[in-house]
PDB file of N, CA and C in Angstrom:
ATOM      1  N   GLN A   1      13.062  16.261 -17.515  1.00  0.00           N
ATOM      2  CA  GLN A   1      12.722  14.904 -17.755  1.00  0.00           C
ATOM      3  C   GLN A   1      11.778  14.035 -16.601  1.00  0.00           C
ATOM      4  N   THR A   2      10.215  13.845 -17.003  1.00  0.00           N
ATOM      5  CA  THR A   2       9.701  13.192 -16.439  1.00  0.00           C
ATOM      6  C   THR A   2       9.565  11.907 -16.338  1.00  0.00           C
ATOM      7  N   THR A   3       9.482  11.037 -15.160  1.00  0.00           N
ATOM      8  CA  THR A   3       9.216   9.777 -15.122  1.00  0.00           C
ATOM      9  C   THR A   3       7.898   9.408 -15.096  1.00  0.00           C
ATOM     10  N   MET A   4       7.429   8.179 -15.812  1.00  0.00           N
ATOM     11  CA  MET A   4       6.048   7.983 -15.845  1.00  0.00           C
ATOM     12  C   MET A   4       5.916   6.819 -14.670  1.00  0.00           C
ATOM     13  N   SER A   5       6.334   6.676 -13.595  1.00  0.00           N
ATOM     14  CA  SER A   5       6.312   5.751 -12.701  1.00  0.00           C
ATOM     15  C   SER A   5       5.955   6.537 -11.170  1.00  0.00           C
ATOM     16  N   SER A   6       5.714   5.108 -10.301  1.00  0.00           N
ATOM     17  CA  SER A   6       5.236   5.996  -8.975  1.00  0.00           C
ATOM     18  C   SER A   6       6.879   5.338  -7.952  1.00  0.00           C
ATOM     19  N   SER A   7       6.656   5.950  -6.866  1.00  0.00           N
ATOM     20  CA  SER A   7       7.931   5.401  -5.939  1.00  0.00           C
ATOM     21  C   SER A   7       6.963   4.690  -5.031  1.00  0.00           C
ATOM     22  N   ILE A   8       7.312   4.033  -4.190  1.00  0.00           N
ATOM     23  CA  ILE A   8       6.982   2.994  -3.272  1.00  0.00           C
ATOM     24  C   ILE A   8       7.333   3.644  -1.665  1.00  0.00           C
ATOM     25  N   VAL A   9       6.343   3.602  -1.056  1.00  0.00           N
ATOM     26  CA  VAL A   9       6.399   4.715   0.408  1.00  0.00           C
ATOM     27  C   VAL A   9       6.722   3.291   1.231  1.00  0.00           C
ATOM     28  N   ASP A  10       7.386   3.147   1.910  1.00  0.00           N
ATOM     29  CA  ASP A  10       7.663   2.065   3.254  1.00  0.00           C
ATOM     30  C   ASP A  10       6.827   2.656   4.552  1.00  0.00           C
ATOM     31  N   ILE A  11       5.763   1.988   4.899  1.00  0.00           N
ATOM     32  CA  ILE A  11       5.211   2.148   6.457  1.00  0.00           C
ATOM     33  C   ILE A  11       5.546   0.917   7.192  1.00  0.00           C
ATOM     34  N   ASN A  12       6.444   1.581   8.278  1.00  0.00           N
ATOM     35  CA  ASN A  12       6.894   0.201   9.214  1.00  0.00           C
ATOM     36  C   ASN A  12       6.008   0.288  10.457  1.00  0.00           C
ATOM     37  N   ASN A  13       5.689   1.490  10.782  1.00  0.00           N
ATOM     38  CA  ASN A  13       4.529   1.482  12.095  1.00  0.00           C
ATOM     39  C   ASN A  13       3.876   2.315  11.973  1.00  0.00           C
ATOM     40  N   ASP A  14       2.954   2.415  13.149  1.00  0.00           N
ATOM     41  CA  ASP A  14       1.922   3.610  12.956  1.00  0.00           C
ATOM     42  C   ASP A  14       2.098   5.105  12.810  1.00  0.00           C
ATOM     43  N   THR A  15       3.305   5.298  13.737  1.00  0.00           N
ATOM     44  CA  THR A  15       4.037   6.281  13.691  1.00  0.00           C
ATOM     45  C   THR A  15       4.268   7.015  11.880  1.00  0.00           C
ATOM     46  N   GLU A  16       4.647   5.906  11.101  1.00  0.00           N
ATOM     47  CA  GLU A  16       5.050   6.278  10.017  1.00  0.00           C
ATOM     48  C   GLU A  16       3.791   6.790   9.264  1.00  0.00           C
ATOM     49  N   ALA A  17       2.763   5.764   9.596  1.00  0.00           N
ATOM     50  CA  ALA A  17       1.507   5.781   8.639  1.00  0.00           C
ATOM     51  C   ALA A  17       0.665   7.225   9.095  1.00  0.00           C
ATOM     52  N   LYS A  18       1.021   7.869  10.433  1.00  0.00           N
ATOM     53  CA  LYS A  18       0.583   9.204  10.716  1.00  0.00           C
ATOM     54  C   LYS A  18       1.170  10.059   9.940  1.00  0.00           C
ATOM     55  N   ALA A  19       2.645   9.939   9.812  1.00  0.00           N
ATOM     56  CA  ALA A  19       3.225  11.064   9.241  1.00  0.00           C
ATOM     57  C   ALA A  19       3.171  11.252   7.863  1.00  0.00           C
ATOM     58  N   ALA A  20       2.562  10.078   7.317  1.00  0.00           N
ATOM     59  CA  ALA A  20       2.237  10.103   5.735  1.00  0.00           C
ATOM     60  C   ALA A  20       0.865  10.337   5.777  1.00  0.00           C
ATOM     61  N   SER A  21       0.343  10.683   6.697  1.00  0.00           N
ATOM     62  CA  SER A  21      -1.207  11.026   6.674  1.00  0.00           C
ATOM     63  C   SER A  21      -1.871  10.001   6.265  1.00  0.00           C
ATOM     64  N   LEU A  22      -1.767   8.984   6.549  1.00  0.00           N
ATOM     65  CA  LEU A  22      -2.654   7.704   5.976  1.00  0.00           C
ATOM     66  C   LEU A  22      -3.849   7.479   7.123  1.00  0.00           C
ATOM     67  N   LEU A  23      -3.611   7.867   8.375  1.00  0.00           N
ATOM     68  CA  LEU A  23      -4.536   7.638   9.291  1.00  0.00           C
ATOM     69  C   LEU A  23      -5.959   8.671   9.241  1.00  0.00           C
ATOM     70  N   ASP A  24      -5.529   9.854   8.457  1.00  0.00           N
ATOM     71  CA  ASP A  24      -6.585  10.618   8.213  1.00  0.00           C
ATOM     72  C   ASP A  24      -7.723  10.304   7.225  1.00  0.00           C
ATOM     73  N   ALA A  25      -8.728  10.706   7.461  1.00  0.00           N
ATOM     74  CA  ALA A  25     -10.064  10.308   6.724  1.00  0.00           C
ATOM     75  C   ALA A  25      -9.702  10.952   5.217  1.00  0.00           C
ATOM     76  N   SER A  26      -9.505  11.881   5.070  1.00  0.00           N
ATOM     77  CA  SER A  26      -9.254  12.826   3.777  1.00  0.00           C
ATOM     78  C   SER A  26      -7.949  13.007   3.168  1.00  0.00           C
ATOM     79  N   ALA A  27      -6.888  12.615   3.607  1.00  0.00           N
ATOM     80  CA  ALA A  27      -5.620  12.771   3.576  1.00  0.00           C
ATOM     81  C   ALA A  27      -5.080  12.412   2.109  1.00  0.00           C
ATOM     82  N   LEU A  28      -5.636  11.278   1.754  1.00  0.00           N
ATOM     83  CA  LEU A  28      -5.533  10.573   0.340  1.00  0.00           C
ATOM     84  C   LEU A  28      -6.212  11.290  -0.517  1.00  0.00           C
ATOM     85  N   SER A  29      -7.062  12.292  -0.659  1.00  0.00           N
ATOM     86  CA  SER A  29      -7.616  12.629  -1.640  1.00  0.00           C
ATOM     87  C   SER A  29      -7.034  13.323  -2.740  1.00  0.00           C
ATOM     88  N   GLY A  30      -7.463  13.213  -3.759  1.00  0.00           N
ATOM     89  CA  GLY A  30      -6.538  13.805  -4.526  1.00  0.00           C
ATOM     90  C   GLY A  30      -5.574  13.013  -5.729  1.00  0.00           C
ATOM     91  N   GLN A  31      -5.427  11.880  -4.991  1.00  0.00           N
ATOM     92  CA  GLN A  31      -4.681  10.874  -5.950  1.00  0.00           C
ATOM     93  C   GLN A  31      -5.069   9.546  -5.255  1.00  0.00           C
ATOM     94  N   LYS A  32      -4.868   8.880  -6.292  1.00  0.00           N
ATOM     95  CA  LYS A  32      -4.987   7.230  -6.445  1.00  0.00           C
ATOM     96  C   LYS A  32      -3.789   6.991  -5.373  1.00  0.00           C
ATOM     97  N   SER A  33      -4.214   5.562  -4.605  1.00  0.00           N
ATOM     98  CA  SER A  33      -3.364   5.180  -3.984  1.00  0.00           C
ATOM     99  C   SER A  33      -3.444   3.523  -3.903  1.00  0.00           C
ATOM    100  N   VAL A  34      -2.419   2.768  -3.702  1.00  0.00           N
ATOM    101  CA  VAL A  34      -2.604   1.595  -3.607  1.00  0.00           C
ATOM    102  C   VAL A  34      -1.591   1.175  -2.090  1.00  0.00           C
ATOM    103  N   LEU A  35      -2.407   0.359  -1.330  1.00  0.00           N
ATOM    104  CA  LEU A  35      -1.989   0.080  -0.184  1.00  0.00           C
ATOM    105  C   LEU A  35      -1.777  -1.630  -0.163  1.00  0.00           C
ATOM    106  N   PHE A  36      -0.258  -1.726   0.221  1.00  0.00           N
ATOM    107  CA  PHE A  36       0.032  -3.200   0.214  1.00  0.00           C
ATOM    108  C   PHE A  36       0.892  -3.798   1.508  1.00  0.00           C
ATOM    109  N   PHE A  37      -0.270  -4.682   2.379  1.00  0.00           N
ATOM    110  CA  PHE A  37      -0.199  -4.752   3.598  1.00  0.00           C
ATOM    111  C   PHE A  37       0.144  -6.069   3.476  1.00  0.00           C
ATOM    112  N   TYR A  38       1.983  -6.205   4.180  1.00  0.00           N
ATOM    113  CA  TYR A  38       2.585  -7.571   4.117  1.00  0.00           C
ATOM    114  C   TYR A  38       3.169  -7.972   5.343  1.00  0.00           C
ATOM    115  N   ALA A  39       3.804  -8.959   5.673  1.00  0.00           N
ATOM    116  CA  ALA A  39       4.358  -9.318   6.816  1.00  0.00           C
ATOM    117  C   ALA A  39       5.673 -10.171   6.527  1.00  0.00           C
ATOM    118  N   GLU A  40       6.636  -9.894   7.269  1.00  0.00           N
ATOM    119  CA  GLU A  40       8.094 -10.293   7.039  1.00  0.00           C
ATOM    120  C   GLU A  40       8.011 -11.803   7.142  1.00  0.00           C
ATOM    121  N   TRP A  41       7.359 -12.608   8.055  1.00  0.00           N
ATOM    122  CA  TRP A  41       7.067 -13.837   7.967  1.00  0.00           C
ATOM    123  C   TRP A  41       6.374 -14.645   6.740  1.00  0.00           C
ATOM    124  N   HIS A  42       5.814 -13.617   5.928  1.00  0.00           N
ATOM    125  CA  HIS A  42       4.840 -14.290   5.008  1.00  0.00           C
ATOM    126  C   HIS A  42       6.062 -14.284   3.814  1.00  0.00           C
ATOM    127  N   VAL A  43       6.805 -15.067   3.272  1.00  0.00           N
ATOM    128  CA  VAL A  43       8.146 -15.493   2.410  1.00  0.00           C
ATOM    129  C   VAL A  43       7.475 -14.210   1.105  1.00  0.00           C
ATOM    130  N   PRO A  44       6.151 -14.986   0.757  1.00  0.00           N
ATOM    131  CA  PRO A  44       5.814 -14.238  -0.715  1.00  0.00           C
ATOM    132  C   PRO A  44       5.712 -13.011  -0.904  1.00  0.00           C
ATOM    133  N   SER A  45       5.331 -12.370   0.391  1.00  0.00           N
ATOM    134  CA  SER A  45       5.099 -10.924   0.429  1.00  0.00           C
ATOM    135  C   SER A  45       6.082 -10.092   1.032  1.00  0.00           C
ATOM    136  N   ALA A  46       7.160 -10.751   1.388  1.00  0.00           N
ATOM    137  CA  ALA A  46       8.118 -10.015   2.341  1.00  0.00           C
ATOM    138  C   ALA A  46       9.102  -9.392   1.230  1.00  0.00           C
ATOM    139  N   ALA A  47      10.441  -8.825   1.584  1.00  0.00           N
ATOM    140  CA  ALA A  47      11.255  -8.252   0.512  1.00  0.00           C
ATOM    141  C   ALA A  47      11.775  -9.403  -0.498  1.00  0.00           C
ATOM    142  N   GLY A  48      11.672  -9.243  -1.816  1.00  0.00           N
ATOM    143  CA  GLY A  48      12.115 -10.188  -2.594  1.00  0.00           C
ATOM    144  C   GLY A  48      11.203 -11.316  -3.097  1.00  0.00           C
ATOM    145  N   GLY A  49       9.911 -11.305  -2.418  1.00  0.00           N
ATOM    146  CA  GLY A  49       8.979 -12.581  -2.481  1.00  0.00           C
ATOM    147  C   GLY A  49       8.180 -11.999  -3.816  1.00  0.00           C
ATOM    148  N   ALA A  50       7.324 -12.983  -4.070  1.00  0.00           N
ATOM    149  CA  ALA A  50       6.537 -13.008  -5.280  1.00  0.00           C
ATOM    150  C   ALA A  50       5.793 -11.413  -5.442  1.00  0.00           C
ATOM    151  N   PHE A  51       5.083 -11.365  -4.390  1.00  0.00           N
ATOM    152  CA  PHE A  51       3.963 -10.080  -4.160  1.00  0.00           C
ATOM    153  C   PHE A  51       4.798  -8.727  -4.220  1.00  0.00           C
ATOM    154  N   ASP A  52       6.032  -8.922  -3.410  1.00  0.00           N
ATOM    155  CA  ASP A  52       6.613  -7.506  -3.578  1.00  0.00           C
ATOM    156  C   ASP A  52       7.432  -7.208  -4.685  1.00  0.00           C
ATOM    157  N   MET A  53       7.718  -8.303  -5.871  1.00  0.00           N
ATOM    158  CA  MET A  53       7.844  -7.952  -6.883  1.00  0.00           C
ATOM    159  C   MET A  53       6.898  -7.504  -7.807  1.00  0.00           C
ATOM    160  N   VAL A  54       5.789  -7.894  -7.297  1.00  0.00           N
ATOM    161  CA  VAL A  54       4.504  -7.296  -8.157  1.00  0.00           C
ATOM    162  C   VAL A  54       4.299  -6.010  -7.887  1.00  0.00           C
ATOM    163  N   VAL A  55       4.602  -5.328  -6.542  1.00  0.00           N
ATOM    164  CA  VAL A  55       4.334  -3.990  -6.144  1.00  0.00           C
ATOM    165  C   VAL A  55       5.504  -3.188  -6.987  1.00  0.00           C
ATOM    166  N   LYS A  56       6.583  -3.879  -6.850  1.00  0.00           N
ATOM    167  CA  LYS A  56       7.871  -3.330  -7.671  1.00  0.00           C
ATOM    168  C   LYS A  56       7.518  -2.949  -9.412  1.00  0.00           C
ATOM    169  N   ALA A  57       7.076  -3.976  -9.800  1.00  0.00           N
ATOM    170  CA  ALA A  57       6.660  -3.823 -11.212  1.00  0.00           C
ATOM    171  C   ALA A  57       5.572  -2.952 -11.398  1.00  0.00           C
ATOM    172  N   LEU A  58       4.433  -3.152 -10.437  1.00  0.00           N
ATOM    173  CA  LEU A  58       3.360  -1.887 -10.496  1.00  0.00           C
ATOM    174  C   LEU A  58       3.978  -0.534 -10.606  1.00  0.00           C
ATOM    175  N   ALA A  59       4.828  -0.317  -9.369  1.00  0.00           N
ATOM    176  CA  ALA A  59       5.332   0.995  -9.103  1.00  0.00           C
ATOM    177  C   ALA A  59       6.165   1.277 -10.533  1.00  0.00           C
ATOM    178  N   GLY A  60       6.937   0.559 -11.477  1.00  0.00           N
ATOM    179  CA  GLY A  60       7.590   0.951 -12.482  1.00  0.00           C
ATOM    180  C   GLY A  60       6.783   0.780 -13.955  1.00  0.00           C
ATOM    181  N   GLN A  61       5.643   0.695 -13.867  1.00  0.00           N
ATOM    182  CA  GLN A  61       4.628   0.548 -14.839  1.00  0.00           C
ATOM    183  C   GLN A  61       4.309   2.130 -15.572  1.00  0.00           C
ATOM    184  N   SER A  62       4.592   2.486 -16.575  1.00  0.00           N
ATOM    185  CA  SER A  62       3.917   3.711 -17.161  1.00  0.00           C
ATOM    186  C   SER A  62       2.199   3.651 -16.923  1.00  0.00           C
ATOM    187  N   GLY A  63       1.924   4.768 -16.747  1.00  0.00           N
ATOM    188  CA  GLY A  63       0.533   5.122 -16.507  1.00  0.00           C
ATOM    189  C   GLY A  63       0.390   4.870 -15.185  1.00  0.00           C
ATOM    190  N   THR A  64       1.119   4.867 -14.114  1.00  0.00           N
ATOM    191  CA  THR A  64       0.728   4.905 -12.691  1.00  0.00           C
ATOM    192  C   THR A  64       1.404   6.217 -11.902  1.00  0.00           C
ATOM    193  N   ASP A  65       1.709   7.015 -13.063  1.00  0.00           N
ATOM    194  CA  ASP A  65       2.246   8.423 -12.541  1.00  0.00           C
ATOM    195  C   ASP A  65       1.024   8.978 -11.815  1.00  0.00           C
ATOM    196  N   GLY A  66       1.580   9.638 -10.451  1.00  0.00           N
ATOM    197  CA  GLY A  66       0.654   9.824  -9.924  1.00  0.00           C
ATOM    198  C   GLY A  66      -0.266   8.963  -8.734  1.00  0.00           C
ATOM    199  N   VAL A  67       0.192   7.867  -8.943  1.00  0.00           N
ATOM    200  CA  VAL A  67      -0.523   7.174  -8.100  1.00  0.00           C
ATOM    201  C   VAL A  67       0.220   6.805  -6.771  1.00  0.00           C
ATOM    202  N   ASN A  68      -0.131   6.854  -5.685  1.00  0.00           N
ATOM    203  CA  ASN A  68       1.025   6.894  -4.483  1.00  0.00           C
ATOM    204  C   ASN A  68       0.911   5.152  -4.110  1.00  0.00           C
ATOM    205  N   ILE A  69       1.997   4.466  -3.709  1.00  0.00           N
ATOM    206  CA  ILE A  69       1.725   3.066  -3.414  1.00  0.00           C
ATOM    207  C   ILE A  69       2.649   3.031  -1.945  1.00  0.00           C
ATOM    208  N   TYR A  70       1.989   2.220  -1.182  1.00  0.00           N
ATOM    209  CA  TYR A  70       2.323   2.332   0.153  1.00  0.00           C
ATOM    210  C   TYR A  70       2.476   0.951   0.644  1.00  0.00           C
ATOM    211  N   ARG A  71       3.706   0.760   1.104  1.00  0.00           N
ATOM    212  CA  ARG A  71       4.033  -0.746   1.210  1.00  0.00           C
ATOM    213  C   ARG A  71       3.916  -0.909   2.810  1.00  0.00           C
ATOM    214  N   VAL A  72       2.835  -1.499   3.562  1.00  0.00           N
ATOM    215  CA  VAL A  72       2.818  -1.259   5.159  1.00  0.00           C
ATOM    216  C   VAL A  72       3.152  -2.939   5.544  1.00  0.00           C
ATOM    217  N   LEU A  73       3.896  -2.520   6.946  1.00  0.00           N
ATOM    218  CA  LEU A  73       4.191  -3.872   7.534  1.00  0.00           C
ATOM    219  C   LEU A  73       2.636  -3.868   8.199  1.00  0.00           C
ATOM    220  N   ALA A  74       2.218  -4.685   8.032  1.00  0.00           N
ATOM    221  CA  ALA A  74       0.462  -4.860   8.892  1.00  0.00           C
ATOM    222  C   ALA A  74       0.562  -4.726  10.166  1.00  0.00           C
ATOM    223  N   GLU A  75       1.392  -6.298  10.916  1.00  0.00           N
ATOM    224  CA  GLU A  75       1.447  -6.117  12.111  1.00  0.00           C
ATOM    225  C   GLU A  75       1.901  -4.958  13.042  1.00  0.00           C
ATOM    226  N   GLU A  76       2.980  -4.058  12.448  1.00  0.00           N
ATOM    227  CA  GLU A  76       3.672  -3.126  13.073  1.00  0.00           C
ATOM    228  C   GLU A  76       2.668  -1.925  13.102  1.00  0.00           C
ATOM    229  N   ALA A  77       1.781  -1.927  11.892  1.00  0.00           N
ATOM    230  CA  ALA A  77       0.927  -0.816  11.810  1.00  0.00           C
ATOM    231  C   ALA A  77      -0.637  -1.239  11.945  1.00  0.00           C
ATOM    232  N   PRO A  78      -0.799  -1.782  13.517  1.00  0.00           N
ATOM    233  CA  PRO A  78      -2.302  -2.135  13.580  1.00  0.00           C
ATOM    234  C   PRO A  78      -3.387  -1.198  13.472  1.00  0.00           C
ATOM    235  N   THR A  79      -2.944   0.095  13.827  1.00  0.00           N
ATOM    236  CA  THR A  79      -4.170   1.296  13.550  1.00  0.00           C
ATOM    237  C   THR A  79      -4.471   1.360  12.095  1.00  0.00           C
ATOM    238  N   LEU A  80      -3.633   1.322  11.475  1.00  0.00           N
ATOM    239  CA  LEU A  80      -3.999   1.342   9.869  1.00  0.00           C
ATOM    240  C   LEU A  80      -4.506   0.349   9.338  1.00  0.00           C
ATOM    241  N   SER A  81      -3.916  -1.031   9.758  1.00  0.00           N
ATOM    242  CA  SER A  81      -4.582  -2.012   9.513  1.00  0.00           C
ATOM    243  C   SER A  81      -5.750  -2.251   9.761  1.00  0.00           C
ATOM    244  N   GLN A  82      -6.222  -2.067  11.029  1.00  0.00           N
ATOM    245  CA  GLN A  82      -7.709  -1.954  11.654  1.00  0.00           C
ATOM    246  C   GLN A  82      -8.602  -0.928  10.746  1.00  0.00           C
ATOM    247  N   LYS A  83      -8.131   0.091  10.239  1.00  0.00           N
ATOM    248  CA  LYS A  83      -8.652   1.156   9.350  1.00  0.00           C
ATOM    249  C   LYS A  83      -9.082   0.358   8.167  1.00  0.00           C
ATOM    250  N   TYR A  84      -8.534  -0.304   7.845  1.00  0.00           N
ATOM    251  CA  TYR A  84      -8.775  -1.096   6.244  1.00  0.00           C
ATOM    252  C   TYR A  84      -9.090  -2.491   6.640  1.00  0.00           C
ATOM    253  N   ASN A  85      -9.428  -2.778   7.999  1.00  0.00           N
ATOM    254  CA  ASN A  85      -9.809  -4.383   8.197  1.00  0.00           C
ATOM    255  C   ASN A  85      -9.039  -5.587   7.756  1.00  0.00           C
ATOM    256  N   VAL A  86      -7.864  -5.200   7.819  1.00  0.00           N
ATOM    257  CA  VAL A  86      -6.706  -6.181   6.968  1.00  0.00           C
ATOM    258  C   VAL A  86      -6.816  -7.348   8.150  1.00  0.00           C
ATOM    259  N   THR A  87      -7.055  -8.474   7.659  1.00  0.00           N
ATOM    260  CA  THR A  87      -6.840  -9.517   8.508  1.00  0.00           C
ATOM    261  C   THR A  87      -6.025 -10.739   7.872  1.00  0.00           C
ATOM    262  N   THR A  88      -5.327 -10.481   6.966  1.00  0.00           N
ATOM    263  CA  THR A  88      -4.649 -11.421   6.368  1.00  0.00           C
ATOM    264  C   THR A  88      -3.670 -10.731   5.682  1.00  0.00           C
ATOM    265  N   VAL A  89      -2.244 -11.463   5.327  1.00  0.00           N
ATOM    266  CA  VAL A  89      -1.354 -10.667   4.231  1.00  0.00           C
ATOM    267  C   VAL A  89      -1.145 -11.525   3.236  1.00  0.00           C
ATOM    268  N   PRO A  90      -0.764 -11.521   1.800  1.00  0.00           N
ATOM    269  CA  PRO A  90      -0.951  -9.830   1.513  1.00  0.00           C
ATOM    270  C   PRO A  90      -2.032  -9.396   1.378  1.00  0.00           C
ATOM    271  N   THR A  91      -2.274  -8.260   1.581  1.00  0.00           N
ATOM    272  CA  THR A  91      -3.874  -7.474   1.408  1.00  0.00           C
ATOM    273  C   THR A  91      -3.419  -6.249   0.510  1.00  0.00           C
ATOM    274  N   PHE A  92      -4.055  -6.007  -0.508  1.00  0.00           N
ATOM    275  CA  PHE A  92      -4.140  -4.858  -1.237  1.00  0.00           C
ATOM    276  C   PHE A  92      -5.270  -3.981  -1.499  1.00  0.00           C
ATOM    277  N   ILE A  93      -5.207  -2.803  -0.904  1.00  0.00           N
ATOM    278  CA  ILE A  93      -6.140  -2.078  -0.903  1.00  0.00           C
ATOM    279  C   ILE A  93      -5.884  -1.081  -1.934  1.00  0.00           C
ATOM    280  N   PHE A  94      -7.193  -0.641  -3.145  1.00  0.00           N
ATOM    281  CA  PHE A  94      -7.086   0.166  -4.075  1.00  0.00           C
ATOM    282  C   PHE A  94      -8.141   1.528  -3.830  1.00  0.00           C
ATOM    283  N   LEU A  95      -7.445   2.661  -3.358  1.00  0.00           N
ATOM    284  CA  LEU A  95      -8.114   3.742  -3.093  1.00  0.00           C
ATOM    285  C   LEU A  95      -8.283   4.634  -4.589  1.00  0.00           C
ATOM    286  N   ASN A  96      -9.600   5.484  -4.578  1.00  0.00           N
ATOM    287  CA  ASN A  96      -9.615   5.993  -5.903  1.00  0.00           C
ATOM    288  C   ASN A  96      -9.394   7.659  -5.330  1.00  0.00           C
ATOM    289  N   SER A  97      -9.233   8.668  -6.194  1.00  0.00           N
ATOM    290  CA  SER A  97      -8.861   9.952  -5.959  1.00  0.00           C
ATOM    291  C   SER A  97      -9.701  10.730  -4.794  1.00  0.00           C
ATOM    292  N   ASP A  98     -10.993  10.320  -4.163  1.00  0.00           N
ATOM    293  CA  ASP A  98     -11.387  10.627  -3.277  1.00  0.00           C
ATOM    294  C   ASP A  98     -10.841  10.049  -2.002  1.00  0.00           C
ATOM    295  N   GLY A  99     -10.141   9.240  -2.167  1.00  0.00           N
ATOM    296  CA  GLY A  99      -9.504   8.362  -0.654  1.00  0.00           C
ATOM    297  C   GLY A  99     -10.312   7.375  -0.384  1.00  0.00           C
ATOM    298  N   ALA A 100     -11.380   6.983  -1.078  1.00  0.00           N
ATOM    299  CA  ALA A 100     -12.112   5.737  -0.898  1.00  0.00           C
ATOM    300  C   ALA A 100     -11.677   4.471  -1.480  1.00  0.00           C
ATOM    301  N   ALA A 101     -11.814   3.377  -0.340  1.00  0.00           N
ATOM    302  CA  ALA A 101     -11.426   2.025  -1.136  1.00  0.00           C
ATOM    303  C   ALA A 101     -12.340   1.612  -1.983  1.00  0.00           C
ATOM    304  N   THR A 102     -11.898   1.717  -3.431  1.00  0.00           N
ATOM    305  CA  THR A 102     -12.843   0.795  -4.356  1.00  0.00           C
ATOM    306  C   THR A 102     -12.822  -0.756  -4.804  1.00  0.00           C
ATOM    307  N   GLU A 103     -11.484  -1.117  -4.110  1.00  0.00           N
ATOM    308  CA  GLU A 103     -11.452  -2.574  -4.567  1.00  0.00           C
ATOM    309  C   GLU A 103     -10.283  -2.799  -3.461  1.00  0.00           C
ATOM    310  N   ARG A 104     -10.263  -4.549  -3.278  1.00  0.00           N
ATOM    311  CA  ARG A 104      -9.677  -5.006  -2.142  1.00  0.00           C
ATOM    312  C   ARG A 104      -9.078  -6.220  -2.613  1.00  0.00           C
ATOM    313  N   ILE A 105      -7.846  -6.940  -2.685  1.00  0.00           N
ATOM    314  CA  ILE A 105      -7.530  -8.450  -2.803  1.00  0.00           C
ATOM    315  C   ILE A 105      -6.982  -8.612  -1.135  1.00  0.00           C
ATOM    316  N   ASP A 106      -7.634  -9.877  -0.595  1.00  0.00           N
ATOM    317  CA  ASP A 106      -7.350 -10.255   0.464  1.00  0.00           C
ATOM    318  C   ASP A 106      -6.715 -11.717   0.434  1.00  0.00           C
ATOM    319  N   GLY A 107      -5.452 -11.732   0.635  1.00  0.00           N
ATOM    320  CA  GLY A 107      -4.728 -13.051   0.514  1.00  0.00           C
ATOM    321  C   GLY A 107      -4.259 -13.036  -0.971  1.00  0.00           C
ATOM    322  N   GLY A 108      -3.260 -13.876  -1.576  1.00  0.00           N
ATOM    323  CA  GLY A 108      -3.033 -13.879  -2.538  1.00  0.00           C
ATOM    324  C   GLY A 108      -2.768 -15.197  -3.247  1.00  0.00           C
ATOM    325  N   GLU A 109      -2.991 -16.286  -2.189  1.00  0.00           N
ATOM    326  CA  GLU A 109      -2.520 -17.477  -2.778  1.00  0.00           C
ATOM    327  C   GLU A 109      -3.326 -17.848  -3.894  1.00  0.00           C
TER     328      GLU A 109
END
């Protein structure tokens, strides 16, 4: 039985980002990815907040099979945040199957 949804990978620091190969230029090629940068102090994007629910709903959608979804604690993963020029939370970065950022949403108020 195949599930037609994506799992969410939590990235809590740069060490985990590196382990997930998110700091490598070509690491994400071959699969589409969504990077969701958030902060615990930003209630709407923290666990249980409105943006967190959006990410969970996105992961549960059919048609997202094969899409990697990463939930990144922005301030604890400064190298990854800097790589994508994240200056506010929440920030969504959408990567195509070549690993290139095709779209982004900065802030969500």
